[in-house]
Amino acid sequence: MARTKFTRSTARFGARYGSTLRKRVRKIEERLRARHKCPYCLTVGSLKRKAVGIWYCNKCGKVFAGGAYAPFSEIG
């Protein structure tokens, strides 16, 4: 029997929504859940997303605006 591909976080969708959309969602979720570096205290892994575009550092307590899925977007 053939083995299935390792689909990571989008395995919950099964065969629904099409492969292109599942790949796009997987890329966004991997970027969201990655370990990010705080721009103030430079600690890796201490940033958490409070809401869309609002990021919080657990170590230094700074709250700042950033991108929706990453603390820094391509725009700025």
N, C-alpha and C. Protein backbone atom coordinates (compact mmCIF):
# COMPACT_ATOMS: atom_id res chain seq x y z
N MET A 1 0.84 -1.17 0.00
CA MET A 1 0.00 0.00 0.00
C MET A 1 0.89 1.24 0.00
N ALA A 2 0.51 2.25 -0.75
CA ALA A 2 1.29 3.48 -0.85
C ALA A 2 1.15 4.31 0.41
N ARG A 3 2.20 5.03 0.72
CA ARG A 3 2.17 5.90 1.89
C ARG A 3 1.70 7.29 1.47
N THR A 4 1.06 7.97 2.39
CA THR A 4 0.59 9.32 2.10
C THR A 4 1.68 10.33 2.46
N LYS A 5 1.58 11.50 1.90
CA LYS A 5 2.55 12.55 2.20
C LYS A 5 2.28 13.12 3.59
N PHE A 6 3.33 13.63 4.19
CA PHE A 6 3.24 14.27 5.50
C PHE A 6 2.70 15.68 5.29
N THR A 7 1.49 15.96 5.73
CA THR A 7 0.84 17.23 5.40
C THR A 7 0.83 18.24 6.53
N ARG A 8 1.40 17.92 7.65
CA ARG A 8 1.54 18.83 8.78
C ARG A 8 0.19 19.36 9.27
N SER A 9 0.08 20.67 9.43
CA SER A 9 -1.10 21.24 10.07
C SER A 9 -2.34 21.19 9.21
N THR A 10 -2.20 21.04 7.90
CA THR A 10 -3.37 21.03 7.04
C THR A 10 -3.96 19.63 6.86
N ALA A 11 -3.46 18.66 7.58
CA ALA A 11 -4.02 17.32 7.51
C ALA A 11 -5.46 17.30 8.02
N ARG A 12 -5.82 18.26 8.84
CA ARG A 12 -7.17 18.32 9.38
C ARG A 12 -8.22 18.61 8.31
N PHE A 13 -7.80 19.13 7.14
CA PHE A 13 -8.74 19.42 6.07
C PHE A 13 -9.05 18.20 5.21
N GLY A 14 -8.23 17.17 5.30
CA GLY A 14 -8.44 15.98 4.50
C GLY A 14 -8.30 16.28 3.02
N ALA A 15 -9.26 15.82 2.22
CA ALA A 15 -9.21 16.03 0.78
C ALA A 15 -9.98 17.28 0.36
N ARG A 16 -10.44 18.06 1.31
CA ARG A 16 -11.26 19.22 0.99
C ARG A 16 -10.43 20.44 0.61
N TYR A 17 -11.01 21.36 -0.10
CA TYR A 17 -10.52 22.71 -0.41
C TYR A 17 -9.45 22.78 -1.48
N GLY A 18 -8.90 21.70 -1.95
CA GLY A 18 -7.90 21.74 -3.01
C GLY A 18 -6.49 21.84 -2.47
N SER A 19 -5.54 21.30 -3.23
CA SER A 19 -4.16 21.24 -2.74
C SER A 19 -3.51 22.61 -2.68
N THR A 20 -3.82 23.50 -3.62
CA THR A 20 -3.19 24.82 -3.63
C THR A 20 -3.58 25.63 -2.40
N LEU A 21 -4.86 25.61 -2.04
CA LEU A 21 -5.30 26.35 -0.86
C LEU A 21 -4.75 25.74 0.42
N ARG A 22 -4.67 24.41 0.47
CA ARG A 22 -4.08 23.77 1.66
C ARG A 22 -2.61 24.13 1.80
N LYS A 23 -1.87 24.19 0.70
CA LYS A 23 -0.46 24.59 0.76
C LYS A 23 -0.31 26.03 1.21
N ARG A 24 -1.21 26.89 0.76
CA ARG A 24 -1.16 28.30 1.15
C ARG A 24 -1.43 28.46 2.64
N VAL A 25 -2.41 27.73 3.16
CA VAL A 25 -2.72 27.78 4.59
C VAL A 25 -1.56 27.23 5.40
N ARG A 26 -0.94 26.13 4.94
CA ARG A 26 0.20 25.56 5.66
C ARG A 26 1.36 26.55 5.75
N LYS A 27 1.64 27.26 4.67
CA LYS A 27 2.72 28.24 4.66
C LYS A 27 2.45 29.38 5.65
N ILE A 28 1.21 29.86 5.69
CA ILE A 28 0.83 30.93 6.62
C ILE A 28 0.93 30.44 8.06
N GLU A 29 0.43 29.24 8.34
CA GLU A 29 0.45 28.73 9.71
C GLU A 29 1.86 28.44 10.19
N GLU A 30 2.74 27.97 9.31
CA GLU A 30 4.13 27.75 9.71
C GLU A 30 4.81 29.07 10.06
N ARG A 31 4.51 30.12 9.29
CA ARG A 31 5.09 31.43 9.57
C ARG A 31 4.54 31.99 10.88
N LEU A 32 3.26 31.75 11.16
CA LEU A 32 2.63 32.25 12.38
C LEU A 32 3.20 31.56 13.61
N ARG A 33 3.42 30.24 13.54
CA ARG A 33 3.86 29.48 14.71
C ARG A 33 5.37 29.37 14.85
N ALA A 34 6.11 30.02 13.97
CA ALA A 34 7.58 29.97 14.04
C ALA A 34 8.07 30.74 15.27
N ARG A 35 9.32 30.50 15.62
CA ARG A 35 9.93 31.22 16.74
C ARG A 35 10.44 32.56 16.21
N HIS A 36 9.92 33.65 16.78
CA HIS A 36 10.27 34.99 16.32
C HIS A 36 11.16 35.67 17.36
N LYS A 37 11.96 36.62 16.89
CA LYS A 37 12.88 37.35 17.77
C LYS A 37 12.28 38.71 18.12
N CYS A 38 12.31 39.05 19.39
CA CYS A 38 11.81 40.34 19.87
C CYS A 38 12.76 41.45 19.38
N PRO A 39 12.23 42.53 18.79
CA PRO A 39 13.10 43.60 18.32
C PRO A 39 13.67 44.46 19.45
N TYR A 40 13.14 44.34 20.65
CA TYR A 40 13.60 45.15 21.77
C TYR A 40 14.64 44.44 22.63
N CYS A 41 14.34 43.21 23.07
CA CYS A 41 15.29 42.49 23.93
C CYS A 41 16.06 41.41 23.16
N LEU A 42 15.73 41.19 21.90
CA LEU A 42 16.42 40.25 21.00
C LEU A 42 16.34 38.80 21.47
N THR A 43 15.35 38.47 22.29
CA THR A 43 15.16 37.11 22.74
C THR A 43 14.37 36.32 21.69
N VAL A 44 14.86 35.15 21.33
CA VAL A 44 14.19 34.31 20.34
C VAL A 44 13.16 33.44 21.05
N GLY A 45 11.96 33.38 20.51
CA GLY A 45 10.93 32.51 21.04
C GLY A 45 10.06 33.12 22.11
N SER A 46 10.23 34.39 22.42
CA SER A 46 9.43 35.00 23.48
C SER A 46 8.24 35.78 22.95
N LEU A 47 8.12 35.95 21.64
CA LEU A 47 7.01 36.71 21.07
C LEU A 47 5.77 35.85 20.92
N LYS A 48 4.64 36.43 21.29
CA LYS A 48 3.35 35.79 21.12
C LYS A 48 2.41 36.78 20.45
N ARG A 49 1.50 36.27 19.66
CA ARG A 49 0.52 37.13 19.00
C ARG A 49 -0.70 37.26 19.89
N LYS A 50 -1.05 38.50 20.26
CA LYS A 50 -2.22 38.76 21.09
C LYS A 50 -3.49 38.81 20.25
N ALA A 51 -3.40 39.47 19.10
CA ALA A 51 -4.52 39.60 18.16
C ALA A 51 -3.90 39.80 16.78
N VAL A 52 -4.73 40.01 15.78
CA VAL A 52 -4.22 40.20 14.43
C VAL A 52 -3.39 41.48 14.39
N GLY A 53 -2.09 41.33 14.17
CA GLY A 53 -1.20 42.48 14.07
C GLY A 53 -0.68 43.01 15.39
N ILE A 54 -1.06 42.43 16.52
CA ILE A 54 -0.59 42.87 17.84
C ILE A 54 0.30 41.77 18.41
N TRP A 55 1.55 42.11 18.71
CA TRP A 55 2.54 41.15 19.19
C TRP A 55 3.02 41.57 20.57
N TYR A 56 3.30 40.57 21.42
CA TYR A 56 3.67 40.79 22.82
C TYR A 56 4.88 39.94 23.16
N CYS A 57 5.87 40.55 23.83
CA CYS A 57 7.05 39.82 24.27
C CYS A 57 6.85 39.40 25.73
N ASN A 58 6.97 38.11 25.99
CA ASN A 58 6.79 37.60 27.35
C ASN A 58 7.93 38.01 28.27
N LYS A 59 9.11 38.25 27.73
CA LYS A 59 10.26 38.55 28.57
C LYS A 59 10.31 40.02 28.97
N CYS A 60 10.27 40.93 27.99
CA CYS A 60 10.41 42.35 28.32
C CYS A 60 9.08 43.07 28.45
N GLY A 61 7.98 42.44 28.05
CA GLY A 61 6.66 43.03 28.23
C GLY A 61 6.26 44.06 27.19
N LYS A 62 7.04 44.23 26.14
CA LYS A 62 6.72 45.21 25.10
C LYS A 62 5.57 44.70 24.24
N VAL A 63 4.69 45.60 23.87
CA VAL A 63 3.60 45.32 22.95
C VAL A 63 3.79 46.22 21.74
N PHE A 64 3.73 45.65 20.54
CA PHE A 64 3.93 46.46 19.35
C PHE A 64 3.09 45.91 18.21
N ALA A 65 2.90 46.75 17.21
CA ALA A 65 2.12 46.38 16.03
C ALA A 65 3.05 45.79 14.98
N GLY A 66 2.57 44.79 14.30
CA GLY A 66 3.36 44.15 13.25
C GLY A 66 2.44 43.58 12.20
N GLY A 67 2.89 42.56 11.52
CA GLY A 67 2.09 41.92 10.49
C GLY A 67 1.04 41.00 11.11
N ALA A 68 0.15 40.51 10.29
CA ALA A 68 -0.92 39.65 10.77
C ALA A 68 -0.41 38.28 11.18
N TYR A 69 0.56 37.74 10.43
CA TYR A 69 1.03 36.38 10.68
C TYR A 69 2.48 36.33 11.13
N ALA A 70 3.19 37.44 11.07
CA ALA A 70 4.58 37.52 11.52
C ALA A 70 4.77 38.91 12.11
N PRO A 71 5.71 39.07 13.03
CA PRO A 71 5.90 40.38 13.66
C PRO A 71 6.30 41.47 12.67
N PHE A 72 6.90 41.07 11.57
CA PHE A 72 7.34 42.04 10.58
C PHE A 72 6.84 41.60 9.22
N SER A 73 6.15 42.48 8.52
CA SER A 73 5.66 42.16 7.19
C SER A 73 6.64 42.67 6.15
N GLU A 74 6.42 42.32 4.88
CA GLU A 74 7.30 42.79 3.82
C GLU A 74 7.18 44.30 3.64
N ILE A 75 6.03 44.86 3.98
CA ILE A 75 5.80 46.29 3.81
C ILE A 75 6.54 47.09 4.87
N GLY A 76 6.56 46.59 6.10
CA GLY A 76 7.24 47.34 7.14
C GLY A 76 6.96 46.87 8.52
